[in-house]
N, C-alpha and C. Protein backbone atom coordinates (compact mmCIF):
# COMPACT_ATOMS: atom_id res chain seq x y z
N MET A 1 1.30 -1.83 -27.26
CA MET A 1 1.19 -0.81 -26.26
C MET A 1 1.97 -1.18 -25.01
N PHE A 2 1.85 -2.44 -24.57
CA PHE A 2 2.53 -2.87 -23.36
C PHE A 2 4.03 -3.01 -23.55
N GLY A 3 4.49 -3.13 -24.78
CA GLY A 3 5.89 -3.42 -25.01
C GLY A 3 6.16 -4.91 -24.95
N TYR A 4 5.12 -5.71 -24.82
CA TYR A 4 5.20 -7.17 -24.83
C TYR A 4 4.20 -7.65 -25.86
N ASP A 5 4.34 -8.91 -26.22
CA ASP A 5 3.31 -9.50 -27.07
C ASP A 5 2.03 -9.58 -26.25
N SER A 6 0.92 -9.13 -26.83
CA SER A 6 -0.37 -9.24 -26.13
C SER A 6 -0.86 -10.65 -26.28
N PRO A 7 -1.56 -11.21 -25.34
CA PRO A 7 -1.85 -10.63 -24.03
C PRO A 7 -0.65 -10.71 -23.08
N MET A 8 -0.68 -9.86 -22.07
CA MET A 8 0.38 -9.80 -21.07
C MET A 8 -0.09 -10.54 -19.81
N ARG A 9 0.71 -11.47 -19.32
CA ARG A 9 0.38 -12.22 -18.10
C ARG A 9 0.72 -11.34 -16.90
N THR A 10 -0.26 -11.11 -16.03
CA THR A 10 -0.08 -10.20 -14.90
C THR A 10 -0.57 -10.82 -13.60
N LEU A 11 -0.10 -10.25 -12.50
CA LEU A 11 -0.64 -10.53 -11.18
C LEU A 11 -1.52 -9.33 -10.83
N ILE A 12 -2.78 -9.60 -10.55
CA ILE A 12 -3.72 -8.54 -10.16
C ILE A 12 -3.68 -8.40 -8.64
N TRP A 13 -3.61 -7.15 -8.17
CA TRP A 13 -3.59 -6.86 -6.73
C TRP A 13 -4.39 -5.59 -6.47
N THR A 14 -4.68 -5.37 -5.19
CA THR A 14 -5.47 -4.19 -4.84
C THR A 14 -4.71 -3.26 -3.90
N ALA A 15 -5.04 -1.99 -4.03
CA ALA A 15 -4.59 -0.95 -3.11
C ALA A 15 -5.81 -0.05 -2.90
N LYS A 16 -6.29 0.00 -1.68
CA LYS A 16 -7.48 0.80 -1.34
C LYS A 16 -8.66 0.45 -2.25
N ASN A 17 -8.86 -0.85 -2.44
CA ASN A 17 -9.96 -1.41 -3.21
C ASN A 17 -9.93 -1.07 -4.70
N LYS A 18 -8.81 -0.58 -5.19
CA LYS A 18 -8.65 -0.35 -6.62
C LYS A 18 -7.74 -1.45 -7.16
N LEU A 19 -8.00 -1.86 -8.41
CA LEU A 19 -7.25 -2.96 -9.02
C LEU A 19 -6.03 -2.45 -9.79
N PHE A 20 -4.93 -3.18 -9.63
CA PHE A 20 -3.69 -2.90 -10.34
C PHE A 20 -3.12 -4.21 -10.85
N ALA A 21 -2.25 -4.12 -11.85
CA ALA A 21 -1.64 -5.31 -12.44
C ALA A 21 -0.15 -5.08 -12.60
N ILE A 22 0.62 -6.12 -12.34
CA ILE A 22 2.07 -6.07 -12.56
C ILE A 22 2.45 -7.28 -13.40
N HIS A 23 3.36 -7.07 -14.34
CA HIS A 23 3.79 -8.16 -15.21
C HIS A 23 4.43 -9.26 -14.37
N VAL A 24 4.04 -10.52 -14.62
CA VAL A 24 4.54 -11.64 -13.80
C VAL A 24 6.04 -11.85 -13.96
N ASN A 25 6.64 -11.38 -15.04
CA ASN A 25 8.09 -11.54 -15.18
C ASN A 25 8.86 -10.87 -14.05
N TYR A 26 8.25 -9.89 -13.40
CA TYR A 26 8.93 -9.16 -12.33
C TYR A 26 8.56 -9.64 -10.94
N VAL A 27 7.60 -10.53 -10.84
CA VAL A 27 7.17 -11.04 -9.53
C VAL A 27 8.04 -12.24 -9.17
N ARG A 28 8.79 -12.06 -8.09
CA ARG A 28 9.66 -13.14 -7.62
C ARG A 28 8.92 -14.06 -6.67
N GLU A 29 8.06 -13.44 -5.83
CA GLU A 29 7.32 -14.22 -4.83
C GLU A 29 6.22 -13.35 -4.25
N VAL A 30 5.13 -13.99 -3.83
CA VAL A 30 4.09 -13.30 -3.07
C VAL A 30 4.16 -13.86 -1.66
N CYS A 31 4.41 -12.97 -0.69
CA CYS A 31 4.64 -13.36 0.70
C CYS A 31 3.54 -12.79 1.60
N PRO A 32 3.39 -13.34 2.80
CA PRO A 32 2.52 -12.69 3.78
C PRO A 32 3.08 -11.29 4.09
N VAL A 33 2.31 -10.50 4.81
CA VAL A 33 2.77 -9.17 5.22
C VAL A 33 4.04 -9.33 6.04
N VAL A 34 5.01 -8.46 5.78
CA VAL A 34 6.26 -8.47 6.53
C VAL A 34 6.36 -7.18 7.34
N SER A 35 7.08 -7.24 8.44
CA SER A 35 7.33 -6.01 9.20
C SER A 35 8.64 -5.42 8.70
N ALA A 36 8.76 -4.11 8.79
CA ALA A 36 9.93 -3.42 8.27
C ALA A 36 10.46 -2.43 9.30
N GLN A 37 11.74 -2.23 9.25
CA GLN A 37 12.41 -1.21 10.07
C GLN A 37 12.38 0.09 9.29
N ALA A 38 11.73 1.09 9.86
CA ALA A 38 11.62 2.39 9.18
C ALA A 38 12.99 3.04 9.04
N LEU A 39 13.14 3.83 7.98
CA LEU A 39 14.36 4.61 7.77
C LEU A 39 14.03 6.08 8.05
N PRO A 40 14.88 6.76 8.80
CA PRO A 40 14.60 8.17 9.08
C PRO A 40 14.68 9.00 7.80
N SER A 41 13.77 9.91 7.66
CA SER A 41 13.75 10.85 6.53
C SER A 41 13.57 10.19 5.17
N GLY A 42 13.06 8.99 5.14
CA GLY A 42 12.80 8.33 3.85
C GLY A 42 11.57 8.91 3.19
N PRO A 43 11.41 8.68 1.90
CA PRO A 43 10.20 9.14 1.22
C PRO A 43 8.97 8.46 1.81
N THR A 44 7.82 9.07 1.70
CA THR A 44 6.61 8.54 2.33
C THR A 44 6.24 7.16 1.81
N TRP A 45 6.56 6.85 0.56
CA TRP A 45 6.22 5.56 -0.01
C TRP A 45 7.14 4.43 0.43
N LEU A 46 8.24 4.78 1.11
CA LEU A 46 9.18 3.77 1.60
C LEU A 46 8.83 3.43 3.05
N ILE A 47 8.27 2.24 3.25
CA ILE A 47 7.90 1.82 4.61
C ILE A 47 9.15 1.58 5.44
N GLY A 48 10.16 0.97 4.82
CA GLY A 48 11.41 0.68 5.51
C GLY A 48 12.10 -0.50 4.86
N LEU A 49 12.91 -1.20 5.66
CA LEU A 49 13.65 -2.36 5.17
C LEU A 49 13.15 -3.61 5.88
N PHE A 50 13.07 -4.73 5.15
CA PHE A 50 12.71 -5.99 5.78
C PHE A 50 13.76 -7.04 5.44
N ASP A 51 13.84 -8.06 6.29
CA ASP A 51 14.80 -9.14 6.13
C ASP A 51 14.18 -10.23 5.26
N TYR A 52 14.82 -10.50 4.13
CA TYR A 52 14.37 -11.57 3.25
C TYR A 52 15.53 -12.54 3.09
N HIS A 53 15.46 -13.63 3.81
CA HIS A 53 16.51 -14.65 3.78
C HIS A 53 17.90 -14.05 4.01
N GLY A 54 18.00 -13.13 4.96
CA GLY A 54 19.29 -12.55 5.32
C GLY A 54 19.65 -11.28 4.56
N ALA A 55 18.89 -10.90 3.56
CA ALA A 55 19.16 -9.67 2.80
C ALA A 55 18.16 -8.60 3.22
N LEU A 56 18.62 -7.37 3.35
CA LEU A 56 17.73 -6.25 3.65
C LEU A 56 17.15 -5.72 2.34
N ILE A 57 15.83 -5.71 2.29
CA ILE A 57 15.11 -5.34 1.06
C ILE A 57 14.19 -4.16 1.37
N PRO A 58 14.18 -3.12 0.52
CA PRO A 58 13.25 -2.00 0.71
C PRO A 58 11.80 -2.47 0.55
N LEU A 59 10.92 -1.96 1.41
CA LEU A 59 9.49 -2.25 1.35
C LEU A 59 8.75 -0.98 1.00
N LEU A 60 8.01 -1.00 -0.11
CA LEU A 60 7.29 0.16 -0.61
C LEU A 60 5.80 0.02 -0.33
N ASP A 61 5.12 1.13 -0.20
CA ASP A 61 3.69 1.15 0.08
C ASP A 61 2.91 1.38 -1.21
N ALA A 62 2.12 0.38 -1.61
CA ALA A 62 1.34 0.47 -2.85
C ALA A 62 0.28 1.57 -2.78
N GLY A 63 -0.25 1.84 -1.59
CA GLY A 63 -1.25 2.89 -1.47
C GLY A 63 -0.67 4.24 -1.85
N ILE A 64 0.45 4.60 -1.24
CA ILE A 64 1.10 5.89 -1.52
C ILE A 64 1.54 5.95 -2.99
N LEU A 65 2.10 4.86 -3.51
CA LEU A 65 2.59 4.85 -4.89
C LEU A 65 1.46 4.93 -5.92
N THR A 66 0.24 4.71 -5.49
CA THR A 66 -0.90 4.83 -6.42
C THR A 66 -1.75 6.06 -6.10
N GLY A 67 -1.18 6.99 -5.33
CA GLY A 67 -1.85 8.25 -5.06
C GLY A 67 -2.95 8.19 -4.02
N GLN A 68 -2.87 7.21 -3.12
CA GLN A 68 -3.90 7.01 -2.11
C GLN A 68 -3.27 7.01 -0.72
N ALA A 69 -4.04 6.63 0.27
CA ALA A 69 -3.53 6.53 1.64
C ALA A 69 -2.67 5.28 1.78
N ALA A 70 -1.85 5.26 2.81
CA ALA A 70 -0.98 4.12 3.08
C ALA A 70 -1.80 2.85 3.33
N ILE A 71 -1.21 1.72 2.97
CA ILE A 71 -1.85 0.42 3.19
C ILE A 71 -1.66 0.02 4.65
N GLU A 72 -2.75 -0.22 5.34
CA GLU A 72 -2.69 -0.72 6.70
C GLU A 72 -2.75 -2.24 6.62
N PRO A 73 -1.74 -2.93 7.19
CA PRO A 73 -1.76 -4.39 7.12
C PRO A 73 -3.04 -4.96 7.74
N GLN A 74 -3.62 -5.93 7.05
CA GLN A 74 -4.83 -6.59 7.52
C GLN A 74 -4.79 -8.04 7.08
N VAL A 75 -5.76 -8.82 7.52
CA VAL A 75 -5.84 -10.20 7.07
C VAL A 75 -5.98 -10.18 5.55
N GLY A 76 -5.18 -10.94 4.87
CA GLY A 76 -5.22 -10.96 3.41
C GLY A 76 -4.21 -10.05 2.74
N SER A 77 -3.62 -9.12 3.49
CA SER A 77 -2.60 -8.26 2.90
C SER A 77 -1.39 -9.10 2.52
N ARG A 78 -0.67 -8.65 1.52
CA ARG A 78 0.48 -9.40 1.02
C ARG A 78 1.64 -8.45 0.72
N THR A 79 2.82 -9.05 0.64
CA THR A 79 4.01 -8.36 0.16
C THR A 79 4.40 -9.05 -1.14
N ILE A 80 4.45 -8.28 -2.20
CA ILE A 80 4.88 -8.82 -3.49
C ILE A 80 6.37 -8.50 -3.61
N LEU A 81 7.18 -9.54 -3.72
CA LEU A 81 8.62 -9.35 -3.91
C LEU A 81 8.86 -9.20 -5.40
N ILE A 82 9.43 -8.05 -5.76
CA ILE A 82 9.59 -7.67 -7.16
C ILE A 82 11.08 -7.56 -7.48
N GLU A 83 11.47 -8.10 -8.64
CA GLU A 83 12.85 -8.00 -9.11
C GLU A 83 12.83 -7.56 -10.56
N VAL A 84 13.49 -6.44 -10.83
CA VAL A 84 13.54 -5.92 -12.20
C VAL A 84 14.98 -5.59 -12.58
N PRO A 85 15.35 -5.86 -13.84
CA PRO A 85 16.70 -5.50 -14.28
C PRO A 85 16.80 -3.98 -14.40
N LEU A 86 17.95 -3.43 -14.03
CA LEU A 86 18.14 -1.99 -14.15
C LEU A 86 18.53 -1.58 -15.57
N ASP A 87 18.89 -2.56 -16.40
CA ASP A 87 19.16 -2.32 -17.81
C ASP A 87 18.55 -3.48 -18.59
N ALA A 88 17.40 -3.26 -19.18
CA ALA A 88 16.66 -4.32 -19.86
C ALA A 88 17.39 -4.87 -21.08
N THR A 89 18.39 -4.13 -21.59
CA THR A 89 19.10 -4.58 -22.78
C THR A 89 20.26 -5.50 -22.46
N SER A 90 20.62 -5.62 -21.17
CA SER A 90 21.76 -6.43 -20.79
C SER A 90 21.32 -7.64 -19.97
N PRO A 91 21.66 -8.86 -20.41
CA PRO A 91 21.26 -10.05 -19.66
C PRO A 91 22.02 -10.18 -18.33
N THR A 92 23.11 -9.44 -18.17
CA THR A 92 23.89 -9.53 -16.93
C THR A 92 23.74 -8.28 -16.07
N ALA A 93 22.75 -7.45 -16.37
CA ALA A 93 22.56 -6.20 -15.62
C ALA A 93 22.21 -6.49 -14.17
N SER A 94 22.58 -5.56 -13.29
CA SER A 94 22.17 -5.69 -11.90
C SER A 94 20.66 -5.47 -11.81
N THR A 95 20.09 -5.94 -10.72
CA THR A 95 18.65 -5.84 -10.57
C THR A 95 18.29 -5.01 -9.34
N ALA A 96 17.09 -4.49 -9.37
CA ALA A 96 16.51 -3.84 -8.21
C ALA A 96 15.51 -4.83 -7.62
N ILE A 97 15.61 -5.08 -6.33
CA ILE A 97 14.69 -5.98 -5.65
C ILE A 97 14.01 -5.19 -4.56
N PHE A 98 12.69 -5.24 -4.53
CA PHE A 98 11.95 -4.53 -3.49
C PHE A 98 10.64 -5.24 -3.22
N GLY A 99 10.11 -4.99 -2.04
CA GLY A 99 8.80 -5.51 -1.68
C GLY A 99 7.76 -4.43 -1.88
N LEU A 100 6.56 -4.85 -2.23
CA LEU A 100 5.44 -3.93 -2.41
C LEU A 100 4.30 -4.41 -1.53
N ARG A 101 3.94 -3.63 -0.50
CA ARG A 101 2.83 -4.00 0.37
C ARG A 101 1.52 -3.65 -0.33
N VAL A 102 0.67 -4.66 -0.49
CA VAL A 102 -0.63 -4.49 -1.15
C VAL A 102 -1.73 -4.99 -0.22
N GLU A 103 -2.97 -4.56 -0.47
CA GLU A 103 -4.09 -5.04 0.34
C GLU A 103 -4.36 -6.52 0.10
N GLN A 104 -4.42 -6.91 -1.17
CA GLN A 104 -4.68 -8.30 -1.53
C GLN A 104 -4.00 -8.62 -2.84
N ALA A 105 -3.57 -9.86 -2.98
CA ALA A 105 -3.13 -10.38 -4.27
C ALA A 105 -4.31 -11.20 -4.78
N ILE A 106 -4.91 -10.78 -5.87
CA ILE A 106 -6.13 -11.39 -6.38
C ILE A 106 -5.85 -12.66 -7.17
N GLY A 107 -4.89 -12.60 -8.09
CA GLY A 107 -4.56 -13.77 -8.90
C GLY A 107 -3.98 -13.37 -10.24
N LEU A 108 -3.75 -14.36 -11.07
CA LEU A 108 -3.15 -14.14 -12.38
C LEU A 108 -4.23 -13.88 -13.42
N ARG A 109 -3.90 -13.01 -14.37
CA ARG A 109 -4.82 -12.72 -15.46
C ARG A 109 -4.02 -12.27 -16.67
N ASP A 110 -4.45 -12.72 -17.84
CA ASP A 110 -3.87 -12.25 -19.09
C ASP A 110 -4.61 -10.98 -19.49
N LEU A 111 -3.86 -9.90 -19.71
CA LEU A 111 -4.46 -8.63 -20.13
C LEU A 111 -4.15 -8.37 -21.59
N ASP A 112 -5.15 -7.94 -22.30
CA ASP A 112 -5.01 -7.57 -23.70
C ASP A 112 -5.17 -6.06 -23.76
N ASP A 113 -4.29 -5.39 -24.48
CA ASP A 113 -4.32 -3.93 -24.47
C ASP A 113 -5.34 -3.30 -25.41
N SER A 114 -6.16 -4.11 -26.08
CA SER A 114 -7.18 -3.53 -26.96
C SER A 114 -8.20 -2.78 -26.10
N GLY A 115 -8.49 -1.57 -26.51
CA GLY A 115 -9.46 -0.75 -25.79
C GLY A 115 -8.89 -0.08 -24.55
N ALA A 116 -7.58 -0.17 -24.35
CA ALA A 116 -6.97 0.42 -23.16
C ALA A 116 -6.84 1.93 -23.30
N TRP A 117 -6.97 2.61 -22.18
CA TRP A 117 -6.63 4.04 -22.12
C TRP A 117 -5.17 4.09 -21.76
N ASN A 118 -4.39 4.81 -22.55
CA ASN A 118 -2.95 4.77 -22.38
C ASN A 118 -2.37 6.16 -22.17
N PRO A 119 -2.01 6.50 -20.92
CA PRO A 119 -1.28 7.75 -20.69
C PRO A 119 0.17 7.51 -21.11
N THR A 120 0.52 7.87 -22.34
CA THR A 120 1.78 7.48 -22.98
C THR A 120 3.00 7.64 -22.08
N ALA A 121 3.16 8.77 -21.44
CA ALA A 121 4.34 9.00 -20.61
C ALA A 121 4.05 8.76 -19.14
N GLY A 122 2.88 8.28 -18.82
CA GLY A 122 2.51 8.13 -17.42
C GLY A 122 1.87 9.41 -16.91
N LEU A 123 1.25 9.33 -15.77
CA LEU A 123 0.62 10.50 -15.18
C LEU A 123 1.66 11.30 -14.41
N PRO A 124 1.61 12.62 -14.45
CA PRO A 124 2.62 13.43 -13.77
C PRO A 124 2.76 13.02 -12.29
N GLY A 125 3.98 12.70 -11.91
CA GLY A 125 4.24 12.26 -10.54
C GLY A 125 3.96 10.78 -10.32
N PHE A 126 3.29 10.16 -11.26
CA PHE A 126 2.94 8.74 -11.16
C PHE A 126 3.25 8.04 -12.48
N GLU A 127 4.45 8.29 -13.01
CA GLU A 127 4.84 7.76 -14.31
C GLU A 127 4.82 6.24 -14.35
N HIS A 128 4.84 5.61 -13.19
CA HIS A 128 4.82 4.14 -13.11
C HIS A 128 3.40 3.58 -13.25
N LEU A 129 2.39 4.43 -13.26
CA LEU A 129 1.01 3.98 -13.49
C LEU A 129 0.72 4.13 -14.97
N ARG A 130 0.38 3.02 -15.61
CA ARG A 130 0.29 2.99 -17.06
C ARG A 130 -1.15 2.77 -17.54
N GLU A 131 -1.32 1.89 -18.50
CA GLU A 131 -2.60 1.65 -19.16
C GLU A 131 -3.71 1.29 -18.16
N VAL A 132 -4.92 1.72 -18.50
CA VAL A 132 -6.12 1.35 -17.74
C VAL A 132 -6.98 0.51 -18.67
N LEU A 133 -7.41 -0.66 -18.15
CA LEU A 133 -8.20 -1.59 -18.96
C LEU A 133 -9.43 -2.03 -18.18
N ASN A 134 -10.43 -2.47 -18.92
CA ASN A 134 -11.61 -3.08 -18.31
C ASN A 134 -11.40 -4.59 -18.25
N ILE A 135 -11.68 -5.16 -17.07
CA ILE A 135 -11.70 -6.61 -16.90
C ILE A 135 -13.00 -6.94 -16.18
N PRO A 136 -13.40 -8.19 -16.11
CA PRO A 136 -14.69 -8.51 -15.48
C PRO A 136 -14.84 -7.97 -14.05
N GLU A 137 -13.74 -7.88 -13.30
CA GLU A 137 -13.81 -7.39 -11.92
C GLU A 137 -13.89 -5.87 -11.83
N GLY A 138 -13.65 -5.17 -12.92
CA GLY A 138 -13.67 -3.70 -12.93
C GLY A 138 -12.51 -3.16 -13.75
N ARG A 139 -12.15 -1.90 -13.50
CA ARG A 139 -11.02 -1.30 -14.19
C ARG A 139 -9.73 -1.66 -13.47
N VAL A 140 -8.69 -1.95 -14.25
CA VAL A 140 -7.39 -2.29 -13.69
C VAL A 140 -6.35 -1.39 -14.35
N GLN A 141 -5.38 -0.93 -13.55
CA GLN A 141 -4.32 -0.08 -14.08
C GLN A 141 -2.99 -0.83 -13.96
N VAL A 142 -2.20 -0.75 -15.02
CA VAL A 142 -0.91 -1.43 -15.05
C VAL A 142 0.09 -0.62 -14.23
N PHE A 143 0.78 -1.32 -13.32
CA PHE A 143 1.83 -0.76 -12.46
C PHE A 143 3.16 -1.17 -13.07
N ASP A 144 3.95 -0.20 -13.51
CA ASP A 144 5.20 -0.47 -14.20
C ASP A 144 6.37 -0.48 -13.21
N ALA A 145 6.75 -1.68 -12.77
CA ALA A 145 7.82 -1.83 -11.78
C ALA A 145 9.16 -1.34 -12.32
N THR A 146 9.37 -1.44 -13.62
CA THR A 146 10.65 -0.99 -14.18
C THR A 146 10.81 0.52 -14.02
N ARG A 147 9.72 1.25 -14.14
CA ARG A 147 9.81 2.71 -13.96
C ARG A 147 10.13 3.08 -12.52
N ILE A 148 9.55 2.37 -11.57
CA ILE A 148 9.88 2.62 -10.15
C ILE A 148 11.37 2.38 -9.95
N ALA A 149 11.86 1.26 -10.46
CA ALA A 149 13.27 0.90 -10.29
C ALA A 149 14.19 1.92 -10.94
N MET A 150 13.85 2.38 -12.13
CA MET A 150 14.71 3.35 -12.82
C MET A 150 14.67 4.72 -12.15
N GLN A 151 13.51 5.13 -11.66
CA GLN A 151 13.40 6.44 -11.02
C GLN A 151 14.14 6.49 -9.69
N HIS A 152 14.23 5.36 -9.02
CA HIS A 152 14.80 5.33 -7.66
C HIS A 152 15.90 4.28 -7.57
N GLN A 153 16.77 4.23 -8.59
CA GLN A 153 17.79 3.20 -8.69
C GLN A 153 18.63 3.04 -7.45
N LEU A 154 19.18 4.11 -6.93
CA LEU A 154 20.07 3.99 -5.78
C LEU A 154 19.37 3.43 -4.57
N LEU A 155 18.14 3.83 -4.39
CA LEU A 155 17.38 3.38 -3.22
C LEU A 155 17.00 1.92 -3.32
N LEU A 156 16.73 1.44 -4.51
CA LEU A 156 16.19 0.10 -4.67
C LEU A 156 17.21 -0.96 -5.06
N GLN A 157 18.49 -0.65 -5.03
CA GLN A 157 19.49 -1.63 -5.41
C GLN A 157 19.80 -2.60 -4.27
N GLY A 158 19.11 -2.48 -3.18
CA GLY A 158 19.27 -3.46 -2.12
C GLY A 158 20.19 -2.99 -1.01
N ALA A 159 20.61 -3.93 -0.21
CA ALA A 159 21.36 -3.65 1.01
C ALA A 159 22.64 -2.86 0.73
N SER A 160 23.34 -3.16 -0.35
CA SER A 160 24.60 -2.46 -0.61
C SER A 160 24.35 -0.98 -0.86
N ALA A 161 23.27 -0.63 -1.55
CA ALA A 161 22.97 0.77 -1.81
C ALA A 161 22.48 1.47 -0.55
N VAL A 162 21.65 0.81 0.22
CA VAL A 162 21.11 1.42 1.42
C VAL A 162 22.20 1.64 2.45
N ALA A 163 23.21 0.78 2.45
CA ALA A 163 24.28 0.88 3.45
C ALA A 163 25.34 1.90 3.08
N THR A 164 25.21 2.55 1.93
CA THR A 164 26.21 3.53 1.52
C THR A 164 26.29 4.67 2.52
N SER A 165 27.44 5.30 2.59
CA SER A 165 27.64 6.35 3.59
C SER A 165 26.94 7.64 3.21
N ASN A 166 26.67 7.87 1.93
CA ASN A 166 26.03 9.11 1.51
C ASN A 166 24.52 8.92 1.47
N TYR A 167 23.85 8.94 2.63
CA TYR A 167 22.42 8.66 2.72
C TYR A 167 21.58 9.63 1.91
N ARG A 168 21.98 10.91 1.83
CA ARG A 168 21.19 11.90 1.12
C ARG A 168 20.97 11.51 -0.33
N ARG A 169 21.89 10.84 -0.96
CA ARG A 169 21.74 10.41 -2.35
C ARG A 169 20.62 9.41 -2.50
N LEU A 170 20.25 8.72 -1.45
CA LEU A 170 19.26 7.67 -1.55
C LEU A 170 17.83 8.18 -1.47
N VAL A 171 17.63 9.34 -0.93
CA VAL A 171 16.28 9.85 -0.74
C VAL A 171 15.88 10.63 -1.98
N SER A 172 14.76 10.19 -2.58
CA SER A 172 14.32 10.89 -3.79
C SER A 172 13.09 11.71 -3.51
């Protein structure tokens, strides 16, 4: 179901006290909350750009991307730095790198897809939200970073894409 051998190693995180999981292969780093420079007329889920070792990286709001209110930074909030290939079949494909502001990073957990509820194509408007599973802490939903990257390729390709002269192409 996951497209990986079960169990799948994930990082569990929260948005508005709901549990989500992202495959650890896409997690580059978990950082403290970062501040971002807002972009005019950007989509609501795009907080802005932040400086990561000299590179401008888009910062996304996990609350908005999960159909909830925006995440307000608080003690314990984190930025998950995510890197996904834009073409999974090519080992030399370019990648999308973005930050995801979450309420908390809970920890690592192996998820087994047995007994999962699986919205095969994703939920309308939230195609990046995948299987829902029961774990001891409650229900957790898989967050598919590759779908975010594919849906918003131009926006998430990093500083070179954001700096392009045709800004309208970047807003989805």
